[in-house]
Amino acid sequence: MDVNKNEAQMRKGVIEYCTLLILSQQDCYSNDILGQLKEADMIVVEGTLYPLLTRLKNSELLSYRWEESTQGPPRKYYSLTEKGRTTLEEFDKSWTKLVDSINMLKSAKNK
């Protein structure tokens, strides 16, 4: 069994949740999102993030605005919509339930 492959799959499974968490704190440029994910050891590449942002926008969970940049072309800043905030609350509940279930199984293993 390839543990690294399983870990990568688990990360892919929560990257949407993590992106919504980041955007719940402040509006962000895509490189800022990538940087925060990398700081949290959630290794993500642009080829993964950009389609995710597009899908979240098309699902009306995100909106964006363009801002001029002093370091090149205008930048697209993403923010959560009300629907995105509601979805994040649902993710929070699901995440808590999942972690509780795993912790229950782990504690049963140690008995």
PDB file of N, CA and C in Angstrom:
ATOM      1  N   MET A   1       0.851  -1.182   0.000  1.00  0.00           N
ATOM      2  CA  MET A   1       0.000   0.000   0.000  1.00  0.00           C
ATOM      3  C   MET A   1       0.891   1.238   0.000  1.00  0.00           C
ATOM      4  N   ASP A   2       0.580   2.162  -0.861  1.00  0.00           N
ATOM      5  CA  ASP A   2       1.359   3.389  -0.982  1.00  0.00           C
ATOM      6  C   ASP A   2       0.733   4.474  -0.110  1.00  0.00           C
ATOM      7  N   VAL A   3       1.324   4.706   1.065  1.00  0.00           N
ATOM      8  CA  VAL A   3       0.790   5.678   2.014  1.00  0.00           C
ATOM      9  C   VAL A   3       0.824   7.083   1.430  1.00  0.00           C
ATOM     10  N   ASN A   4       1.876   7.414   0.693  1.00  0.00           N
ATOM     11  CA  ASN A   4       1.967   8.754   0.092  1.00  0.00           C
ATOM     12  C   ASN A   4       0.835   8.998  -0.899  1.00  0.00           C
ATOM     13  N   LYS A   5       0.480   7.976  -1.654  1.00  0.00           N
ATOM     14  CA  LYS A   5      -0.610   8.107  -2.612  1.00  0.00           C
ATOM     15  C   LYS A   5      -1.933   8.316  -1.872  1.00  0.00           C
ATOM     16  N   ASN A   6      -2.132   7.582  -0.789  1.00  0.00           N
ATOM     17  CA  ASN A   6      -3.353   7.755   0.009  1.00  0.00           C
ATOM     18  C   ASN A   6      -3.416   9.148   0.624  1.00  0.00           C
ATOM     19  N   GLU A   7      -2.278   9.624   1.103  1.00  0.00           N
ATOM     20  CA  GLU A   7      -2.244  10.969   1.690  1.00  0.00           C
ATOM     21  C   GLU A   7      -2.602  12.017   0.640  1.00  0.00           C
ATOM     22  N   ALA A   8      -2.079  11.857  -0.560  1.00  0.00           N
ATOM     23  CA  ALA A   8      -2.386  12.795  -1.649  1.00  0.00           C
ATOM     24  C   ALA A   8      -3.880  12.781  -1.960  1.00  0.00           C
ATOM     25  N   GLN A   9      -4.493  11.603  -1.959  1.00  0.00           N
ATOM     26  CA  GLN A   9      -5.925  11.488  -2.210  1.00  0.00           C
ATOM     27  C   GLN A   9      -6.733  12.173  -1.111  1.00  0.00           C
ATOM     28  N   MET A  10      -6.306  12.011   0.145  1.00  0.00           N
ATOM     29  CA  MET A  10      -7.004  12.667   1.249  1.00  0.00           C
ATOM     30  C   MET A  10      -6.915  14.182   1.111  1.00  0.00           C
ATOM     31  N   ARG A  11      -5.747  14.678   0.735  1.00  0.00           N
ATOM     32  CA  ARG A  11      -5.583  16.127   0.557  1.00  0.00           C
ATOM     33  C   ARG A  11      -6.491  16.643  -0.542  1.00  0.00           C
ATOM     34  N   LYS A  12      -6.559  15.906  -1.655  1.00  0.00           N
ATOM     35  CA  LYS A  12      -7.440  16.310  -2.749  1.00  0.00           C
ATOM     36  C   LYS A  12      -8.881  16.384  -2.284  1.00  0.00           C
ATOM     37  N   GLY A  13      -9.247  15.475  -1.383  1.00  0.00           N
ATOM     38  CA  GLY A  13     -10.612  15.430  -0.894  1.00  0.00           C
ATOM     39  C   GLY A  13     -11.006  16.621  -0.040  1.00  0.00           C
ATOM     40  N   VAL A  14     -10.024  17.301   0.554  1.00  0.00           N
ATOM     41  CA  VAL A  14     -10.346  18.418   1.444  1.00  0.00           C
ATOM     42  C   VAL A  14      -9.903  19.775   0.897  1.00  0.00           C
ATOM     43  N   ILE A  15      -9.362  19.807  -0.294  1.00  0.00           N
ATOM     44  CA  ILE A  15      -8.826  21.059  -0.824  1.00  0.00           C
ATOM     45  C   ILE A  15      -9.931  22.097  -1.040  1.00  0.00           C
ATOM     46  N   GLU A  16     -11.133  21.656  -1.417  1.00  0.00           N
ATOM     47  CA  GLU A  16     -12.243  22.593  -1.579  1.00  0.00           C
ATOM     48  C   GLU A  16     -12.586  23.229  -0.235  1.00  0.00           C
ATOM     49  N   TYR A  17     -12.665  22.407   0.794  1.00  0.00           N
ATOM     50  CA  TYR A  17     -12.949  22.900   2.147  1.00  0.00           C
ATOM     51  C   TYR A  17     -11.876  23.896   2.580  1.00  0.00           C
ATOM     52  N   CYS A  18     -10.618  23.550   2.369  1.00  0.00           N
ATOM     53  CA  CYS A  18      -9.513  24.423   2.764  1.00  0.00           C
ATOM     54  C   CYS A  18      -9.560  25.757   2.018  1.00  0.00           C
ATOM     55  N   THR A  19      -9.893  25.723   0.753  1.00  0.00           N
ATOM     56  CA  THR A  19      -9.986  26.950  -0.043  1.00  0.00           C
ATOM     57  C   THR A  19     -11.096  27.851   0.487  1.00  0.00           C
ATOM     58  N   LEU A  20     -12.236  27.265   0.815  1.00  0.00           N
ATOM     59  CA  LEU A  20     -13.328  28.057   1.388  1.00  0.00           C
ATOM     60  C   LEU A  20     -12.930  28.628   2.746  1.00  0.00           C
ATOM     61  N   LEU A  21     -12.198  27.855   3.550  1.00  0.00           N
ATOM     62  CA  LEU A  21     -11.730  28.360   4.842  1.00  0.00           C
ATOM     63  C   LEU A  21     -10.836  29.583   4.666  1.00  0.00           C
ATOM     64  N   ILE A  22      -9.925  29.519   3.721  1.00  0.00           N
ATOM     65  CA  ILE A  22      -9.020  30.641   3.462  1.00  0.00           C
ATOM     66  C   ILE A  22      -9.817  31.873   3.050  1.00  0.00           C
ATOM     67  N   LEU A  23     -10.760  31.679   2.145  1.00  0.00           N
ATOM     68  CA  LEU A  23     -11.537  32.808   1.634  1.00  0.00           C
ATOM     69  C   LEU A  23     -12.541  33.328   2.650  1.00  0.00           C
ATOM     70  N   SER A  24     -12.836  32.557   3.689  1.00  0.00           N
ATOM     71  CA  SER A  24     -13.738  33.052   4.732  1.00  0.00           C
ATOM     72  C   SER A  24     -13.041  34.099   5.602  1.00  0.00           C
ATOM     73  N   GLN A  25     -11.715  34.129   5.570  1.00  0.00           N
ATOM     74  CA  GLN A  25     -10.940  35.061   6.380  1.00  0.00           C
ATOM     75  C   GLN A  25     -10.717  36.382   5.660  1.00  0.00           C
ATOM     76  N   GLN A  26     -10.536  36.305   4.338  1.00  0.00           N
ATOM     77  CA  GLN A  26     -10.330  37.521   3.542  1.00  0.00           C
ATOM     78  C   GLN A  26     -10.388  37.183   2.064  1.00  0.00           C
ATOM     79  N   ASP A  27     -10.656  38.187   1.244  1.00  0.00           N
ATOM     80  CA  ASP A  27     -10.600  38.018  -0.204  1.00  0.00           C
ATOM     81  C   ASP A  27      -9.150  37.755  -0.582  1.00  0.00           C
ATOM     82  N   CYS A  28      -8.947  36.897  -1.562  1.00  0.00           N
ATOM     83  CA  CYS A  28      -7.573  36.519  -1.924  1.00  0.00           C
ATOM     84  C   CYS A  28      -7.389  36.401  -3.428  1.00  0.00           C
ATOM     85  N   TYR A  29      -6.174  36.677  -3.821  1.00  0.00           N
ATOM     86  CA  TYR A  29      -5.655  36.435  -5.162  1.00  0.00           C
ATOM     87  C   TYR A  29      -5.237  34.965  -5.197  1.00  0.00           C
ATOM     88  N   SER A  30      -5.317  34.323  -6.335  1.00  0.00           N
ATOM     89  CA  SER A  30      -5.034  32.884  -6.414  1.00  0.00           C
ATOM     90  C   SER A  30      -3.656  32.509  -5.860  1.00  0.00           C
ATOM     91  N   ASN A  31      -2.643  33.339  -6.099  1.00  0.00           N
ATOM     92  CA  ASN A  31      -1.319  33.023  -5.561  1.00  0.00           C
ATOM     93  C   ASN A  31      -1.301  33.094  -4.040  1.00  0.00           C
ATOM     94  N   ASP A  32      -2.125  33.970  -3.455  1.00  0.00           N
ATOM     95  CA  ASP A  32      -2.231  34.036  -1.998  1.00  0.00           C
ATOM     96  C   ASP A  32      -2.854  32.748  -1.459  1.00  0.00           C
ATOM     97  N   ILE A  33      -3.856  32.243  -2.155  1.00  0.00           N
ATOM     98  CA  ILE A  33      -4.497  30.984  -1.755  1.00  0.00           C
ATOM     99  C   ILE A  33      -3.471  29.852  -1.818  1.00  0.00           C
ATOM    100  N   LEU A  34      -2.742  29.779  -2.925  1.00  0.00           N
ATOM    101  CA  LEU A  34      -1.699  28.747  -3.066  1.00  0.00           C
ATOM    102  C   LEU A  34      -0.671  28.842  -1.940  1.00  0.00           C
ATOM    103  N   GLY A  35      -0.259  30.062  -1.618  1.00  0.00           N
ATOM    104  CA  GLY A  35       0.732  30.260  -0.560  1.00  0.00           C
ATOM    105  C   GLY A  35       0.231  29.788   0.792  1.00  0.00           C
ATOM    106  N   GLN A  36      -1.017  30.103   1.112  1.00  0.00           N
ATOM    107  CA  GLN A  36      -1.568  29.676   2.394  1.00  0.00           C
ATOM    108  C   GLN A  36      -1.735  28.159   2.449  1.00  0.00           C
ATOM    109  N   LEU A  37      -2.131  27.560   1.339  1.00  0.00           N
ATOM    110  CA  LEU A  37      -2.243  26.100   1.303  1.00  0.00           C
ATOM    111  C   LEU A  37      -0.875  25.454   1.487  1.00  0.00           C
ATOM    112  N   LYS A  38       0.133  26.009   0.851  1.00  0.00           N
ATOM    113  CA  LYS A  38       1.487  25.457   0.983  1.00  0.00           C
ATOM    114  C   LYS A  38       2.014  25.632   2.399  1.00  0.00           C
ATOM    115  N   GLU A  39       1.730  26.775   3.028  1.00  0.00           N
ATOM    116  CA  GLU A  39       2.137  26.992   4.417  1.00  0.00           C
ATOM    117  C   GLU A  39       1.537  25.947   5.342  1.00  0.00           C
ATOM    118  N   ALA A  40       0.340  25.489   5.006  1.00  0.00           N
ATOM    119  CA  ALA A  40      -0.354  24.486   5.811  1.00  0.00           C
ATOM    120  C   ALA A  40       0.010  23.065   5.372  1.00  0.00           C
ATOM    121  N   ASP A  41       1.044  22.934   4.556  1.00  0.00           N
ATOM    122  CA  ASP A  41       1.479  21.639   4.017  1.00  0.00           C
ATOM    123  C   ASP A  41       0.420  20.951   3.169  1.00  0.00           C
ATOM    124  N   MET A  42      -0.471  21.732   2.603  1.00  0.00           N
ATOM    125  CA  MET A  42      -1.459  21.216   1.658  1.00  0.00           C
ATOM    126  C   MET A  42      -0.902  21.497   0.273  1.00  0.00           C
ATOM    127  N   ILE A  43      -0.056  20.631  -0.181  1.00  0.00           N
ATOM    128  CA  ILE A  43       0.673  20.849  -1.426  1.00  0.00           C
ATOM    129  C   ILE A  43      -0.307  20.816  -2.601  1.00  0.00           C
ATOM    130  N   VAL A  44      -0.437  21.969  -3.242  1.00  0.00           N
ATOM    131  CA  VAL A  44      -1.371  22.126  -4.353  1.00  0.00           C
ATOM    132  C   VAL A  44      -0.651  22.890  -5.456  1.00  0.00           C
ATOM    133  N   VAL A  45      -0.908  22.514  -6.680  1.00  0.00           N
ATOM    134  CA  VAL A  45      -0.315  23.216  -7.818  1.00  0.00           C
ATOM    135  C   VAL A  45      -1.388  24.036  -8.516  1.00  0.00           C
ATOM    136  N   GLU A  46      -0.956  24.991  -9.311  1.00  0.00           N
ATOM    137  CA  GLU A  46      -1.893  25.859 -10.017  1.00  0.00           C
ATOM    138  C   GLU A  46      -2.879  25.060 -10.850  1.00  0.00           C
ATOM    139  N   GLY A  47      -2.407  23.972 -11.448  1.00  0.00           N
ATOM    140  CA  GLY A  47      -3.263  23.139 -12.295  1.00  0.00           C
ATOM    141  C   GLY A  47      -4.395  22.477 -11.533  1.00  0.00           C
ATOM    142  N   THR A  48      -4.281  22.420 -10.226  1.00  0.00           N
ATOM    143  CA  THR A  48      -5.363  21.902  -9.386  1.00  0.00           C
ATOM    144  C   THR A  48      -6.252  23.035  -8.904  1.00  0.00           C
ATOM    145  N   LEU A  49      -5.642  24.147  -8.509  1.00  0.00           N
ATOM    146  CA  LEU A  49      -6.396  25.243  -7.906  1.00  0.00           C
ATOM    147  C   LEU A  49      -7.290  25.972  -8.902  1.00  0.00           C
ATOM    148  N   TYR A  50      -6.777  26.301 -10.090  1.00  0.00           N
ATOM    149  CA  TYR A  50      -7.563  27.108 -11.023  1.00  0.00           C
ATOM    150  C   TYR A  50      -8.869  26.433 -11.455  1.00  0.00           C
ATOM    151  N   PRO A  51      -8.863  25.152 -11.802  1.00  0.00           N
ATOM    152  CA  PRO A  51     -10.148  24.509 -12.122  1.00  0.00           C
ATOM    153  C   PRO A  51     -11.092  24.471 -10.916  1.00  0.00           C
ATOM    154  N   LEU A  52     -10.534  24.303  -9.719  1.00  0.00           N
ATOM    155  CA  LEU A  52     -11.356  24.312  -8.513  1.00  0.00           C
ATOM    156  C   LEU A  52     -12.017  25.673  -8.323  1.00  0.00           C
ATOM    157  N   LEU A  53     -11.251  26.750  -8.467  1.00  0.00           N
ATOM    158  CA  LEU A  53     -11.814  28.094  -8.323  1.00  0.00           C
ATOM    159  C   LEU A  53     -12.909  28.342  -9.354  1.00  0.00           C
ATOM    160  N   THR A  54     -12.707  27.883 -10.566  1.00  0.00           N
ATOM    161  CA  THR A  54     -13.720  28.038 -11.616  1.00  0.00           C
ATOM    162  C   THR A  54     -14.980  27.262 -11.257  1.00  0.00           C
ATOM    163  N   ARG A  55     -14.811  26.033 -10.768  1.00  0.00           N
ATOM    164  CA  ARG A  55     -15.961  25.219 -10.384  1.00  0.00           C
ATOM    165  C   ARG A  55     -16.724  25.853  -9.221  1.00  0.00           C
ATOM    166  N   LEU A  56     -15.993  26.380  -8.236  1.00  0.00           N
ATOM    167  CA  LEU A  56     -16.638  27.037  -7.097  1.00  0.00           C
ATOM    168  C   LEU A  56     -17.379  28.301  -7.534  1.00  0.00           C
ATOM    169  N   LYS A  57     -16.791  29.032  -8.471  1.00  0.00           N
ATOM    170  CA  LYS A  57     -17.449  30.228  -9.006  1.00  0.00           C
ATOM    171  C   LYS A  57     -18.706  29.843  -9.778  1.00  0.00           C
ATOM    172  N   ASN A  58     -18.602  28.816 -10.607  1.00  0.00           N
ATOM    173  CA  ASN A  58     -19.762  28.372 -11.391  1.00  0.00           C
ATOM    174  C   ASN A  58     -20.871  27.813 -10.498  1.00  0.00           C
ATOM    175  N   SER A  59     -20.506  27.321  -9.325  1.00  0.00           N
ATOM    176  CA  SER A  59     -21.492  26.826  -8.355  1.00  0.00           C
ATOM    177  C   SER A  59     -22.026  27.947  -7.472  1.00  0.00           C
ATOM    178  N   GLU A  60     -21.587  29.171  -7.760  1.00  0.00           N
ATOM    179  CA  GLU A  60     -22.004  30.388  -7.054  1.00  0.00           C
ATOM    180  C   GLU A  60     -21.556  30.410  -5.589  1.00  0.00           C
ATOM    181  N   LEU A  61     -20.462  29.702  -5.292  1.00  0.00           N
ATOM    182  CA  LEU A  61     -19.896  29.726  -3.944  1.00  0.00           C
ATOM    183  C   LEU A  61     -18.875  30.851  -3.812  1.00  0.00           C
ATOM    184  N   LEU A  62     -18.325  31.284  -4.944  1.00  0.00           N
ATOM    185  CA  LEU A  62     -17.333  32.367  -4.978  1.00  0.00           C
ATOM    186  C   LEU A  62     -17.761  33.414  -5.982  1.00  0.00           C
ATOM    187  N   SER A  63     -17.297  34.610  -5.745  1.00  0.00           N
ATOM    188  CA  SER A  63     -17.367  35.665  -6.745  1.00  0.00           C
ATOM    189  C   SER A  63     -15.952  36.217  -6.872  1.00  0.00           C
ATOM    190  N   TYR A  64     -15.740  37.073  -7.834  1.00  0.00           N
ATOM    191  CA  TYR A  64     -14.407  37.668  -7.969  1.00  0.00           C
ATOM    192  C   TYR A  64     -14.530  39.088  -8.485  1.00  0.00           C
ATOM    193  N   ARG A  65     -13.440  39.812  -8.281  1.00  0.00           N
ATOM    194  CA  ARG A  65     -13.331  41.171  -8.813  1.00  0.00           C
ATOM    195  C   ARG A  65     -11.896  41.343  -9.304  1.00  0.00           C
ATOM    196  N   TRP A  66     -11.718  42.232 -10.245  1.00  0.00           N
ATOM    197  CA  TRP A  66     -10.394  42.530 -10.761  1.00  0.00           C
ATOM    198  C   TRP A  66      -9.828  43.735 -10.023  1.00  0.00           C
ATOM    199  N   GLU A  67      -8.548  43.669  -9.660  1.00  0.00           N
ATOM    200  CA  GLU A  67      -7.860  44.806  -9.052  1.00  0.00           C
ATOM    201  C   GLU A  67      -6.559  45.045  -9.799  1.00  0.00           C
ATOM    202  N   GLU A  68      -6.259  46.317 -10.007  1.00  0.00           N
ATOM    203  CA  GLU A  68      -4.993  46.671 -10.637  1.00  0.00           C
ATOM    204  C   GLU A  68      -3.840  46.244  -9.735  1.00  0.00           C
ATOM    205  N   SER A  69      -2.740  45.872 -10.368  1.00  0.00           N
ATOM    206  CA  SER A  69      -1.554  45.452  -9.628  1.00  0.00           C
ATOM    207  C   SER A  69      -0.388  46.350  -9.995  1.00  0.00           C
ATOM    208  N   THR A  70       0.444  46.651  -9.014  1.00  0.00           N
ATOM    209  CA  THR A  70       1.646  47.438  -9.294  1.00  0.00           C
ATOM    210  C   THR A  70       2.738  46.559  -9.891  1.00  0.00           C
ATOM    211  N   GLN A  71       2.523  45.249  -9.880  1.00  0.00           N
ATOM    212  CA  GLN A  71       3.538  44.302 -10.350  1.00  0.00           C
ATOM    213  C   GLN A  71       3.070  43.491 -11.547  1.00  0.00           C
ATOM    214  N   GLY A  72       2.371  44.107 -12.462  1.00  0.00           N
ATOM    215  CA  GLY A  72       1.941  43.386 -13.647  1.00  0.00           C
ATOM    216  C   GLY A  72       0.479  43.621 -13.966  1.00  0.00           C
ATOM    217  N   PRO A  73      -0.134  42.638 -14.617  1.00  0.00           N
ATOM    218  CA  PRO A  73      -1.527  42.807 -15.043  1.00  0.00           C
ATOM    219  C   PRO A  73      -2.491  42.800 -13.859  1.00  0.00           C
ATOM    220  N   PRO A  74      -3.735  43.194 -14.098  1.00  0.00           N
ATOM    221  CA  PRO A  74      -4.731  43.164 -13.021  1.00  0.00           C
ATOM    222  C   PRO A  74      -4.861  41.755 -12.443  1.00  0.00           C
ATOM    223  N   ARG A  75      -5.241  41.700 -11.172  1.00  0.00           N
ATOM    224  CA  ARG A  75      -5.375  40.417 -10.480  1.00  0.00           C
ATOM    225  C   ARG A  75      -6.833  40.152 -10.147  1.00  0.00           C
ATOM    226  N   LYS A  76      -7.182  38.876 -10.192  1.00  0.00           N
ATOM    227  CA  LYS A  76      -8.531  38.451  -9.863  1.00  0.00           C
ATOM    228  C   LYS A  76      -8.555  38.063  -8.388  1.00  0.00           C
ATOM    229  N   TYR A  77      -9.359  38.776  -7.608  1.00  0.00           N
ATOM    230  CA  TYR A  77      -9.499  38.488  -6.179  1.00  0.00           C
ATOM    231  C   TYR A  77     -10.824  37.767  -5.950  1.00  0.00           C
ATOM    232  N   TYR A  78     -10.741  36.634  -5.257  1.00  0.00           N
ATOM    233  CA  TYR A  78     -11.918  35.809  -4.982  1.00  0.00           C
ATOM    234  C   TYR A  78     -12.466  36.107  -3.598  1.00  0.00           C
ATOM    235  N   SER A  79     -13.791  35.983  -3.467  1.00  0.00           N
ATOM    236  CA  SER A  79     -14.443  36.129  -2.171  1.00  0.00           C
ATOM    237  C   SER A  79     -15.603  35.144  -2.091  1.00  0.00           C
ATOM    238  N   LEU A  80     -15.975  34.815  -0.854  1.00  0.00           N
ATOM    239  CA  LEU A  80     -17.109  33.916  -0.637  1.00  0.00           C
ATOM    240  C   LEU A  80     -18.418  34.650  -0.853  1.00  0.00           C
ATOM    241  N   THR A  81     -19.374  33.972  -1.437  1.00  0.00           N
ATOM    242  CA  THR A  81     -20.733  34.488  -1.535  1.00  0.00           C
ATOM    243  C   THR A  81     -21.501  33.987  -0.305  1.00  0.00           C
ATOM    244  N   GLU A  82     -22.727  34.414  -0.158  1.00  0.00           N
ATOM    245  CA  GLU A  82     -23.561  33.900   0.943  1.00  0.00           C
ATOM    246  C   GLU A  82     -23.730  32.395   0.810  1.00  0.00           C
ATOM    247  N   LYS A  83     -23.937  31.932  -0.407  1.00  0.00           N
ATOM    248  CA  LYS A  83     -24.051  30.489  -0.641  1.00  0.00           C
ATOM    249  C   LYS A  83     -22.749  29.785  -0.258  1.00  0.00           C
ATOM    250  N   GLY A  84     -21.623  30.432  -0.517  1.00  0.00           N
ATOM    251  CA  GLY A  84     -20.325  29.875  -0.137  1.00  0.00           C
ATOM    252  C   GLY A  84     -20.174  29.784   1.378  1.00  0.00           C
ATOM    253  N   ARG A  85     -20.649  30.799   2.084  1.00  0.00           N
ATOM    254  CA  ARG A  85     -20.584  30.783   3.554  1.00  0.00           C
ATOM    255  C   ARG A  85     -21.467  29.675   4.127  1.00  0.00           C
ATOM    256  N   THR A  86     -22.631  29.501   3.545  1.00  0.00           N
ATOM    257  CA  THR A  86     -23.525  28.423   3.986  1.00  0.00           C
ATOM    258  C   THR A  86     -22.882  27.061   3.723  1.00  0.00           C
ATOM    259  N   THR A  87     -22.280  26.915   2.556  1.00  0.00           N
ATOM    260  CA  THR A  87     -21.603  25.665   2.219  1.00  0.00           C
ATOM    261  C   THR A  87     -20.443  25.412   3.170  1.00  0.00           C
ATOM    262  N   LEU A  88     -19.710  26.454   3.520  1.00  0.00           N
ATOM    263  CA  LEU A  88     -18.607  26.309   4.463  1.00  0.00           C
ATOM    264  C   LEU A  88     -19.120  25.838   5.823  1.00  0.00           C
ATOM    265  N   GLU A  89     -20.235  26.372   6.272  1.00  0.00           N
ATOM    266  CA  GLU A  89     -20.821  25.915   7.543  1.00  0.00           C
ATOM    267  C   GLU A  89     -21.164  24.429   7.474  1.00  0.00           C
ATOM    268  N   GLU A  90     -21.679  23.977   6.332  1.00  0.00           N
ATOM    269  CA  GLU A  90     -21.995  22.555   6.151  1.00  0.00           C
ATOM    270  C   GLU A  90     -20.716  21.720   6.154  1.00  0.00           C
ATOM    271  N   PHE A  91     -19.661  22.224   5.493  1.00  0.00           N
ATOM    272  CA  PHE A  91     -18.366  21.544   5.515  1.00  0.00           C
ATOM    273  C   PHE A  91     -17.848  21.430   6.951  1.00  0.00           C
ATOM    274  N   ASP A  92     -17.980  22.514   7.727  1.00  0.00           N
ATOM    275  CA  ASP A  92     -17.523  22.496   9.118  1.00  0.00           C
ATOM    276  C   ASP A  92     -18.201  21.368   9.895  1.00  0.00           C
ATOM    277  N   LYS A  93     -19.503  21.253   9.739  1.00  0.00           N
ATOM    278  CA  LYS A  93     -20.252  20.202  10.439  1.00  0.00           C
ATOM    279  C   LYS A  93     -19.799  18.820   9.977  1.00  0.00           C
ATOM    280  N   SER A  94     -19.659  18.649   8.673  1.00  0.00           N
ATOM    281  CA  SER A  94     -19.228  17.358   8.128  1.00  0.00           C
ATOM    282  C   SER A  94     -17.827  17.004   8.598  1.00  0.00           C
ATOM    283  N   TRP A  95     -16.947  18.001   8.606  1.00  0.00           N
ATOM    284  CA  TRP A  95     -15.566  17.767   9.031  1.00  0.00           C
ATOM    285  C   TRP A  95     -15.517  17.343  10.503  1.00  0.00           C
ATOM    286  N   THR A  96     -16.254  18.049  11.340  1.00  0.00           N
ATOM    287  CA  THR A  96     -16.289  17.719  12.765  1.00  0.00           C
ATOM    288  C   THR A  96     -16.811  16.303  12.974  1.00  0.00           C
ATOM    289  N   LYS A  97     -17.854  15.952  12.265  1.00  0.00           N
ATOM    290  CA  LYS A  97     -18.429  14.606  12.379  1.00  0.00           C
ATOM    291  C   LYS A  97     -17.418  13.548  11.926  1.00  0.00           C
ATOM    292  N   LEU A  98     -16.737  13.811  10.830  1.00  0.00           N
ATOM    293  CA  LEU A  98     -15.739  12.870  10.309  1.00  0.00           C
ATOM    294  C   LEU A  98     -14.587  12.686  11.293  1.00  0.00           C
ATOM    295  N   VAL A  99     -14.063  13.791  11.811  1.00  0.00           N
ATOM    296  CA  VAL A  99     -12.951  13.721  12.766  1.00  0.00           C
ATOM    297  C   VAL A  99     -13.388  12.985  14.033  1.00  0.00           C
ATOM    298  N   ASP A 100     -14.591  13.272  14.507  1.00  0.00           N
ATOM    299  CA  ASP A 100     -15.106  12.571  15.692  1.00  0.00           C
ATOM    300  C   ASP A 100     -15.200  11.067  15.433  1.00  0.00           C
ATOM    301  N   SER A 101     -15.686  10.689  14.258  1.00  0.00           N
ATOM    302  CA  SER A 101     -15.803   9.269  13.916  1.00  0.00           C
ATOM    303  C   SER A 101     -14.437   8.595  13.868  1.00  0.00           C
ATOM    304  N   ILE A 102     -13.475   9.256  13.257  1.00  0.00           N
ATOM    305  CA  ILE A 102     -12.121   8.685  13.169  1.00  0.00           C
ATOM    306  C   ILE A 102     -11.509   8.578  14.555  1.00  0.00           C
ATOM    307  N   ASN A 103     -11.679   9.617  15.373  1.00  0.00           N
ATOM    308  CA  ASN A 103     -11.133   9.561  16.729  1.00  0.00           C
ATOM    309  C   ASN A 103     -11.776   8.447  17.548  1.00  0.00           C
ATOM    310  N   MET A 104     -13.055   8.203  17.340  1.00  0.00           N
ATOM    311  CA  MET A 104     -13.723   7.119  18.034  1.00  0.00           C
ATOM    312  C   MET A 104     -13.108   5.772  17.624  1.00  0.00           C
ATOM    313  N   LEU A 105     -12.872   5.604  16.344  1.00  0.00           N
ATOM    314  CA  LEU A 105     -12.269   4.360  15.865  1.00  0.00           C
ATOM    315  C   LEU A 105     -10.833   4.214  16.375  1.00  0.00           C
ATOM    316  N   LYS A 106     -10.097   5.312  16.408  1.00  0.00           N
ATOM    317  CA  LYS A 106      -8.725   5.266  16.922  1.00  0.00           C
ATOM    318  C   LYS A 106      -8.702   4.917  18.396  1.00  0.00           C
ATOM    319  N   SER A 107      -9.611   5.478  19.193  1.00  0.00           N
ATOM    320  CA  SER A 107      -9.604   5.194  20.624  1.00  0.00           C
ATOM    321  C   SER A 107     -10.033   3.756  20.891  1.00  0.00           C
ATOM    322  N   ALA A 108     -10.925   3.210  20.061  1.00  0.00           N
ATOM    323  CA  ALA A 108     -11.335   1.809  20.199  1.00  0.00           C
ATOM    324  C   ALA A 108     -10.162   0.878  19.890  1.00  0.00           C
ATOM    325  N   LYS A 109      -9.321   1.284  18.973  1.00  0.00           N
ATOM    326  CA  LYS A 109      -8.141   0.490  18.580  1.00  0.00           C
ATOM    327  C   LYS A 109      -7.152   0.404  19.746  1.00  0.00           C
ATOM    328  N   ASN A 110      -7.067   1.466  20.536  1.00  0.00           N
ATOM    329  CA  ASN A 110      -6.098   1.528  21.610  1.00  0.00           C
ATOM    330  C   ASN A 110      -6.576   0.857  22.897  1.00  0.00           C
ATOM    331  N   LYS A 111      -7.773   0.316  22.898  1.00  0.00           N
ATOM    332  CA  LYS A 111      -8.288  -0.332  24.109  1.00  0.00           C
ATOM    333  C   LYS A 111      -7.816  -1.752  24.217  1.00  0.00           C
TER     334      LYS A 111
END
